Protein backbone atom coordinates (compact mmCIF):
# COMPACT_ATOMS: atom_id res chain seq x y z
CA MET A 1 20.28 -15.98 0.42
CA ILE A 2 19.41 -13.51 -1.85
CA PRO A 3 15.47 -12.63 -1.54
CA ARG A 4 13.54 -12.20 -4.45
CA VAL A 5 11.74 -8.49 -4.18
CA LEU A 6 8.83 -7.23 -6.19
CA GLN A 7 9.43 -3.32 -6.00
CA VAL A 8 5.67 -1.44 -6.06
CA MET A 9 5.18 2.28 -6.77
CA ALA A 10 2.50 4.55 -8.11
CA GLY A 11 4.39 7.45 -8.15
CA ALA A 12 4.17 11.13 -9.78
CA GLU A 13 5.99 11.48 -13.58
CA THR A 14 9.15 13.69 -11.05
CA GLY A 15 9.70 13.61 -7.52
CA GLY A 16 12.19 13.25 -4.48
CA ALA A 17 10.37 10.14 -3.93
CA GLU A 18 10.35 8.51 -7.14
CA THR A 19 14.27 9.48 -7.68
CA ALA A 20 14.98 7.45 -4.12
CA PHE A 21 12.75 4.57 -5.72
CA ALA A 22 14.63 4.50 -8.60
CA ASP A 23 17.66 5.02 -7.03
CA MET A 24 17.08 1.97 -4.03
CA VAL A 25 16.16 -0.39 -7.41
CA LEU A 26 19.15 0.06 -9.42
CA ALA A 27 21.48 -0.16 -5.95
CA LEU A 28 19.78 -3.67 -5.42
CA HIS A 29 19.79 -4.79 -9.11
CA GLU A 30 23.66 -4.16 -8.85
CA ALA A 31 24.07 -6.29 -5.39
CA GLY A 32 22.48 -9.15 -7.53
CA VAL A 33 19.07 -8.63 -6.36
CA PRO A 34 16.12 -10.75 -8.29
CA GLN A 35 13.87 -8.03 -8.54
CA GLN A 36 10.69 -7.19 -10.83
CA VAL A 37 9.28 -3.15 -10.81
CA VAL A 38 5.35 -2.55 -11.28
CA THR A 39 4.64 1.46 -11.45
CA ARG A 40 2.74 3.92 -13.94
CA LYS A 41 4.35 4.70 -17.12
CA ASN A 42 7.23 7.54 -16.48
CA THR A 43 10.11 8.20 -17.83
CA ARG A 44 12.28 6.48 -15.62
CA ASN A 45 11.05 3.48 -16.55
CA GLU A 46 13.55 3.73 -19.73
CA SER A 47 16.93 3.38 -17.13
CA LEU A 48 15.47 0.64 -15.00
CA ILE A 49 14.45 -1.31 -18.14
CA GLN A 50 18.13 -0.87 -19.40
CA ALA A 51 19.68 -2.17 -16.61
CA GLY A 52 18.10 -5.24 -17.50
CA ILE A 53 15.19 -5.10 -14.80
CA PRO A 54 11.63 -6.26 -15.78
CA VAL A 55 8.71 -2.93 -15.45
CA PHE A 56 5.48 -3.30 -15.86
CA THR A 57 3.36 -0.61 -15.58
CA LEU A 58 -0.14 -0.01 -14.07
CA PRO A 59 -3.14 2.34 -13.83
CA PHE A 60 -2.85 3.14 -9.73
CA GLY A 61 -5.99 4.63 -10.03
CA SER A 62 -8.59 5.63 -7.30
CA LEU A 63 -10.20 2.94 -5.28
CA ILE A 64 -12.68 1.89 -8.16
CA ASP A 65 -9.50 0.39 -10.37
CA ILE A 66 -9.58 -3.25 -9.81
CA TYR A 67 -7.77 -3.61 -12.63
CA THR A 68 -4.18 -2.58 -10.86
CA SER A 69 -4.92 -5.39 -7.75
CA PHE A 70 -5.91 -7.96 -10.39
CA ALA A 71 -3.00 -7.10 -12.65
CA LEU A 72 -0.64 -7.47 -10.19
CA ARG A 73 -2.11 -10.73 -7.93
CA GLY A 74 -0.72 -12.34 -11.64
CA ILE A 75 2.82 -10.62 -11.47
CA ILE A 76 3.41 -11.85 -8.04
CA ARG A 77 2.03 -15.16 -8.72
CA ARG A 78 4.00 -15.55 -11.87
CA PHE A 79 7.45 -13.75 -10.51
CA LYS A 80 6.86 -15.57 -6.83
CA PRO A 81 8.72 -12.80 -4.45
CA ASP A 82 9.81 -13.43 -0.58
CA ILE A 83 8.84 -9.51 -0.33
CA VAL A 84 6.90 -6.99 -1.94
CA GLN A 85 7.84 -3.92 -1.15
CA THR A 86 5.61 -0.87 -1.67
CA TRP A 87 6.51 2.65 -2.00
CA MET A 88 3.93 4.81 -0.31
CA SER A 89 0.44 4.90 0.12
CA ARG A 90 -1.20 4.29 -2.95
CA ALA A 91 0.59 1.46 -3.91
CA ALA A 92 -0.09 -0.06 -0.54
CA GLN A 93 -3.25 0.50 -1.21
CA HIS A 94 -2.98 -1.86 -4.35
CA THR A 95 -1.22 -4.35 -3.31
CA PRO A 96 -3.35 -7.31 -2.87
CA ALA A 97 -4.58 -8.73 1.21
CA ASP A 98 -5.23 -12.44 -0.11
CA LYS A 99 -3.34 -15.54 1.77
CA LYS A 100 0.51 -15.08 0.86
CA HIS A 101 3.95 -16.55 0.89
CA TYR A 102 5.44 -13.50 0.68
CA MET A 103 5.66 -10.17 3.16
CA LYS A 104 4.26 -7.00 2.73
CA VAL A 105 6.89 -4.27 3.28
CA SER A 106 5.53 -0.52 3.14
CA ARG A 107 8.44 1.98 2.79
CA LEU A 108 7.09 5.61 4.58
CA GLY A 109 8.92 8.98 3.49
CA GLY A 110 5.97 10.38 5.69
CA TYR A 111 3.14 10.57 7.88
CA TYR A 112 0.66 8.70 5.79
CA LYS A 113 -3.12 7.91 7.44
CA MET A 114 -2.61 4.14 8.59
CA LYS A 115 -6.01 3.30 6.78
CA TYR A 116 -4.39 2.76 3.53
CA PHE A 117 -1.88 0.15 5.51
CA ARG A 118 -3.84 -2.62 7.01
CA THR A 119 -2.80 -5.39 4.94
CA THR A 120 1.13 -4.54 5.46
CA ASP A 121 3.30 -7.12 7.57
CA TYR A 122 6.37 -4.98 7.78
CA PHE A 123 7.43 -1.55 7.63
CA THR A 124 10.69 0.74 7.07
CA THR A 125 10.92 4.64 7.39
CA ILE A 126 13.46 7.33 6.45
CA THR A 127 14.06 8.78 9.83
CA PRO A 128 13.06 7.82 13.34
CA LYS A 129 10.59 10.56 13.59
CA ILE A 130 8.64 8.95 11.13
CA ARG A 131 9.42 5.05 12.48
CA ASP A 132 8.06 6.68 16.06
CA TYR A 133 4.66 8.15 14.48
CA LEU A 134 4.35 4.02 13.46
CA THR A 135 4.64 2.46 17.09
CA GLU A 136 2.48 5.41 18.70
CA ASN A 137 -0.31 4.39 16.37
CA GLY A 138 -0.05 0.60 17.08
CA VAL A 139 2.74 -0.68 14.76
CA SER A 140 4.91 -3.02 16.84
CA PRO A 141 8.59 -1.46 17.55
CA ALA A 142 9.20 -5.45 16.00
CA HIS A 143 7.56 -4.66 12.88
CA VAL A 144 9.09 -1.21 11.79
CA ARG A 145 12.49 -0.06 11.01
CA HIS A 146 14.69 3.34 10.42
CA ILE A 147 16.90 2.93 7.07
CA ASN A 148 18.16 6.37 5.44
CA ASN A 149 18.30 7.00 2.06
CA PHE A 150 21.29 7.37 0.32
CA ALA A 151 22.78 9.68 -2.25
CA GLU A 152 25.87 9.27 -4.72
CA VAL A 153 27.38 11.72 -6.81
CA PRO A 154 30.15 10.60 -8.35
CA GLN A 155 33.33 12.18 -7.65
CA ASP A 156 34.19 11.83 -11.85
CA THR A 157 31.18 13.85 -12.76
CA ALA A 158 31.84 17.03 -15.26
CA PRO A 159 30.41 20.26 -13.56
CA VAL A 160 27.68 21.64 -16.02
CA THR A 161 29.06 25.03 -17.50
CA ARG A 162 27.85 28.32 -15.67
CA GLU A 163 28.00 29.74 -19.51
CA SER A 164 25.11 27.47 -20.75
CA LEU A 165 22.60 28.70 -17.53
CA ASN A 166 23.62 32.55 -17.99
CA THR A 167 24.99 32.66 -14.88
CA PRO A 168 28.32 35.20 -14.64
CA GLU A 169 31.92 33.12 -13.47
CA ASN A 170 31.97 35.39 -9.93
CA ALA A 171 28.73 34.87 -9.10
CA PHE A 172 28.23 32.79 -5.78
CA VAL A 173 25.47 30.03 -6.89
CA VAL A 174 23.04 28.60 -4.44
CA LEU A 175 21.67 25.77 -5.93
CA ALA A 176 17.99 24.25 -4.38
CA LEU A 177 16.84 20.62 -5.85
CA SER A 178 13.14 21.11 -5.27
CA ARG A 179 9.38 20.48 -6.49
CA LEU A 180 7.88 24.15 -6.92
CA HIS A 181 5.32 23.54 -4.16
CA LYS A 182 4.64 25.78 -1.48
CA ALA A 183 5.87 23.47 0.93
CA LYS A 184 9.49 24.07 0.04
CA GLY A 185 9.76 27.93 1.06
CA LEU A 186 11.41 28.90 -2.42
CA ASP A 187 9.37 32.11 -1.97
CA THR A 188 11.30 32.73 0.81
CA LEU A 189 14.47 31.72 -0.85
CA ILE A 190 13.96 34.41 -3.60
CA LYS A 191 13.08 36.85 -1.12
CA THR A 192 16.37 36.21 0.96
CA VAL A 193 18.40 36.34 -2.20
CA ALA A 194 17.06 39.37 -3.64
CA PRO A 195 19.26 41.93 -1.87
CA LEU A 196 22.51 39.99 -2.33
CA LYS A 197 23.51 41.09 -5.59
CA ASN A 198 26.11 38.50 -6.04
CA THR A 199 24.45 35.63 -5.56
CA HIS A 200 22.67 33.71 -8.43
CA VAL A 201 19.63 31.02 -7.25
CA TRP A 202 19.26 27.63 -9.31
CA LEU A 203 15.61 26.07 -8.88
CA ALA A 204 16.14 22.44 -9.98
CA GLY A 205 12.57 21.32 -10.38
CA GLU A 206 9.16 21.77 -11.66
CA GLY A 207 5.90 22.08 -9.83
CA PRO A 208 2.51 23.80 -9.28
CA ASP A 209 4.10 27.30 -7.91
CA ARG A 210 6.21 27.71 -11.04
CA GLU A 211 4.77 30.90 -12.43
CA LYS A 212 3.61 32.55 -8.64
CA LEU A 213 7.63 31.97 -8.10
CA GLU A 214 9.33 33.76 -11.35
CA ALA A 215 6.43 36.66 -11.03
CA LEU A 216 7.46 36.87 -7.38
CA ALA A 217 11.64 36.78 -8.74
CA GLN A 218 10.50 39.89 -11.33
CA ALA A 219 9.10 41.27 -8.30
CA GLU A 220 11.93 41.51 -5.88
CA GLY A 221 13.65 42.71 -8.79
CA ALA A 222 16.41 39.67 -9.02
CA ALA A 223 14.47 37.54 -12.24
CA ASN A 224 18.28 37.89 -13.98
CA ARG A 225 19.35 35.96 -10.78
CA ILE A 226 16.91 33.25 -9.78
CA HIS A 227 17.37 30.71 -12.86
CA PHE A 228 14.01 28.55 -13.23
CA LEU A 229 15.95 25.22 -14.37
CA GLY A 230 12.58 22.91 -14.90
CA TRP A 231 13.29 19.07 -13.69
CA ARG A 232 16.68 18.13 -14.07
CA ASP A 233 18.44 14.70 -14.80
CA ASP A 234 21.85 16.14 -14.75
CA ARG A 235 21.96 17.10 -10.67
CA ASP A 236 25.29 15.98 -10.12
CA ALA A 237 26.72 17.90 -12.80
CA LEU A 238 24.61 20.90 -10.86
CA LEU A 239 25.72 20.13 -8.01
CA LYS A 240 29.74 20.23 -8.89
CA ALA A 241 28.95 23.57 -10.27
CA CYS A 242 27.63 25.09 -7.30
CA ASP A 243 28.83 26.85 -4.52
CA ALA A 244 26.29 26.14 -1.83
CA VAL A 245 23.02 23.92 -1.45
CA ALA A 246 19.62 25.54 0.21
CA PHE A 247 16.79 23.61 1.54
CA PRO A 248 14.90 26.32 2.74
CA SER A 249 11.72 23.89 3.15
CA ARG A 250 8.51 24.76 5.31
CA TYR A 251 7.71 20.79 5.48
CA GLU A 252 10.26 18.02 4.62
CA PRO A 253 9.80 14.54 6.64
CA PHE A 254 13.25 13.49 5.13
CA GLY A 255 14.49 15.34 2.21
CA THR A 256 17.64 13.95 0.29
CA THR A 257 19.01 17.43 -0.76
CA PHE A 258 20.87 17.69 2.45
CA VAL A 259 22.32 14.26 2.01
CA GLN A 260 23.00 15.35 -1.71
CA ALA A 261 24.81 18.22 -0.69
CA TRP A 262 27.00 16.56 2.07
CA ALA A 263 27.89 13.55 -0.67
CA ALA A 264 29.00 16.38 -3.19
CA ARG A 265 31.13 18.29 -0.86
CA LYS A 266 29.12 21.67 -0.77
CA PRO A 267 28.21 23.88 2.21
CA LEU A 268 24.58 23.15 3.00
CA VAL A 269 22.09 25.81 4.22
CA THR A 270 18.80 24.53 5.72
CA THR A 271 15.68 24.80 7.23
CA ALA A 272 14.88 23.17 10.77
CA SER A 273 11.83 21.54 8.85
CA ASP A 274 11.59 17.56 10.24
CA GLY A 275 13.67 16.18 8.52
CA PRO A 276 16.72 18.03 8.21
CA ALA A 277 16.83 19.35 11.97
CA ALA A 278 16.79 15.24 12.75
CA PHE A 279 20.23 15.04 11.12
CA VAL A 280 21.75 18.10 10.94
CA ARG A 281 23.95 19.41 13.41
CA ASP A 282 24.19 23.54 13.59
CA GLY A 283 27.11 24.88 12.73
CA GLU A 284 29.25 21.37 12.30
CA ASP A 285 27.81 19.89 8.94
CA GLY A 286 25.52 23.05 7.60
CA LEU A 287 24.07 25.76 8.92
CA MET A 288 20.49 25.67 10.33
CA VAL A 289 17.90 28.59 10.49
CA PRO A 290 14.42 28.91 11.78
CA ILE A 291 11.49 28.52 8.97
CA ASP A 292 10.58 31.07 6.98
CA ASN A 293 12.68 33.76 8.77
CA ILE A 294 14.41 35.84 5.87
CA ASP A 295 16.87 37.45 7.92
CA ALA A 296 18.72 34.22 9.04
CA LEU A 297 18.48 32.57 5.84
CA ARG A 298 20.31 35.61 4.66
CA GLU A 299 22.95 35.72 7.29
CA ALA A 300 23.86 32.44 6.62
CA ILE A 301 23.84 32.96 2.81
CA ASP A 302 25.93 35.71 3.48
CA ARG A 303 28.24 34.23 5.75
CA LEU A 304 29.01 31.39 3.79
CA GLN A 305 30.18 33.34 0.80
CA LYS A 306 32.41 35.72 3.10
CA ASP A 307 33.70 33.00 5.57
CA SER A 308 35.78 29.82 3.55
CA ALA A 309 37.10 28.36 6.67
CA ARG A 310 33.47 27.99 7.28
CA GLN A 311 32.69 26.20 3.99
CA THR A 312 35.58 24.05 4.77
CA LYS A 313 35.03 23.23 7.52
CA LEU A 314 31.01 22.38 6.69
CA ILE A 315 32.04 20.63 3.98
CA ASN A 316 34.97 18.10 5.51
CA ASN A 317 31.99 17.10 8.21
CA GLY A 318 29.21 17.10 5.79
CA TRP A 319 31.29 14.45 3.73
CA GLN A 320 31.94 12.46 7.00
CA ARG A 321 28.59 12.03 8.04
CA TYR A 322 27.81 10.99 4.18
CA GLN A 323 30.30 8.13 4.43
CA ASN A 324 29.63 6.91 7.48
CA GLU A 325 25.59 6.49 7.04
CA PHE A 326 23.98 7.80 3.71
CA THR A 327 26.21 5.80 1.18
CA LYS A 328 24.53 3.75 -1.14
CA THR A 329 26.24 0.47 0.22
CA ARG A 330 24.98 1.43 3.58
CA ALA A 331 21.62 1.40 2.12
CA VAL A 332 21.85 -1.72 0.07
CA GLU A 333 23.20 -3.50 3.47
CA ALA A 334 20.56 -1.88 5.05
CA TYR A 335 17.84 -3.39 2.77
CA LEU A 336 18.87 -7.00 2.72
CA ASP A 337 19.35 -7.06 6.69
CA TYR A 338 15.94 -6.14 6.82
CA TYR A 339 14.70 -8.25 4.33
CA ARG A 340 16.72 -11.49 5.73
CA HIS A 341 15.26 -10.58 9.33
CA ILE A 342 11.66 -10.61 8.37
CA LEU A 343 11.68 -13.66 6.33
CA ARG A 344 13.56 -15.13 9.20
CA ALA A 345 11.28 -13.83 11.74
CA GLU A 346 8.62 -15.41 9.33
CA GLY A 347 9.69 -18.64 8.63
CA LEU A 348 9.09 -17.76 4.84
CA ARG A 349 12.87 -18.67 3.78
CA LEU A 350 15.99 -19.95 5.81
CA GLU A 351 19.44 -19.38 4.95
């Protein structure tokens, strides 16, 4: 039995959770799962529509927005899903709580306030620590399951040319796939690499701190080596062309970047924020440093440049972790297994 799934997400125009949402919907579609999507208007919808997935756009406004919940009721009534999968708090808040013949499953990628999930039946979380947060706040362990995000970097992807990004061929290129926000620690990364004259940084992302970070790069005398690329849809090509991946976040419940580094066979340098700290094994599949410790981060990046044997070790071990825990196939299997478990437990549909 393959369940019918309605995927619901408000979301921003760009972001890590939004990318994970689109990736998961497409992965389930490829596995033959009947789905419809309800979300805001945004550019990522085009890839879903081109794949043949029906997409409905709603405003997902504040609490006075009664239209979104009303329209969702109609979509649910017509589609008759077995599972309504919500992403983040706003989608859960707007999904109807009427008497229903489906299960509402909320996917949490952070420590959201529980008031938004009063009508949720089951939960998925992207880390064990978020799962524990839910059970500590009264959710039955039988109603929550940790399922990893996945990453996919096609091995035949052509790398972006360094010339196109004004980067010397002999430079050591560190890639950061990140929203330009204080929580991401990119100011620390800029200060870290400023004295490393052969190191260039590609910052792939947008966010409210762009002007501050550009000014910081200028003040540190590194403006010609800190490349602000904006939001990019060619993350695979960037990963193929870089020498290492940096993940300097101050706050990160999960952070798919470390998985993307492993999948792309690139050495990883990360801070010990929640997500990486739960998965990365320091010295084995990544180099982990304390949050906001410029000296430690600089030493780690410098060591990578000078130690090819260390690079090889991190790459090989990271690739093995990816294969064992974070592939698309494993994520799809995990979601379908959980959906079927829920439906059997609730007696809604039996195989």
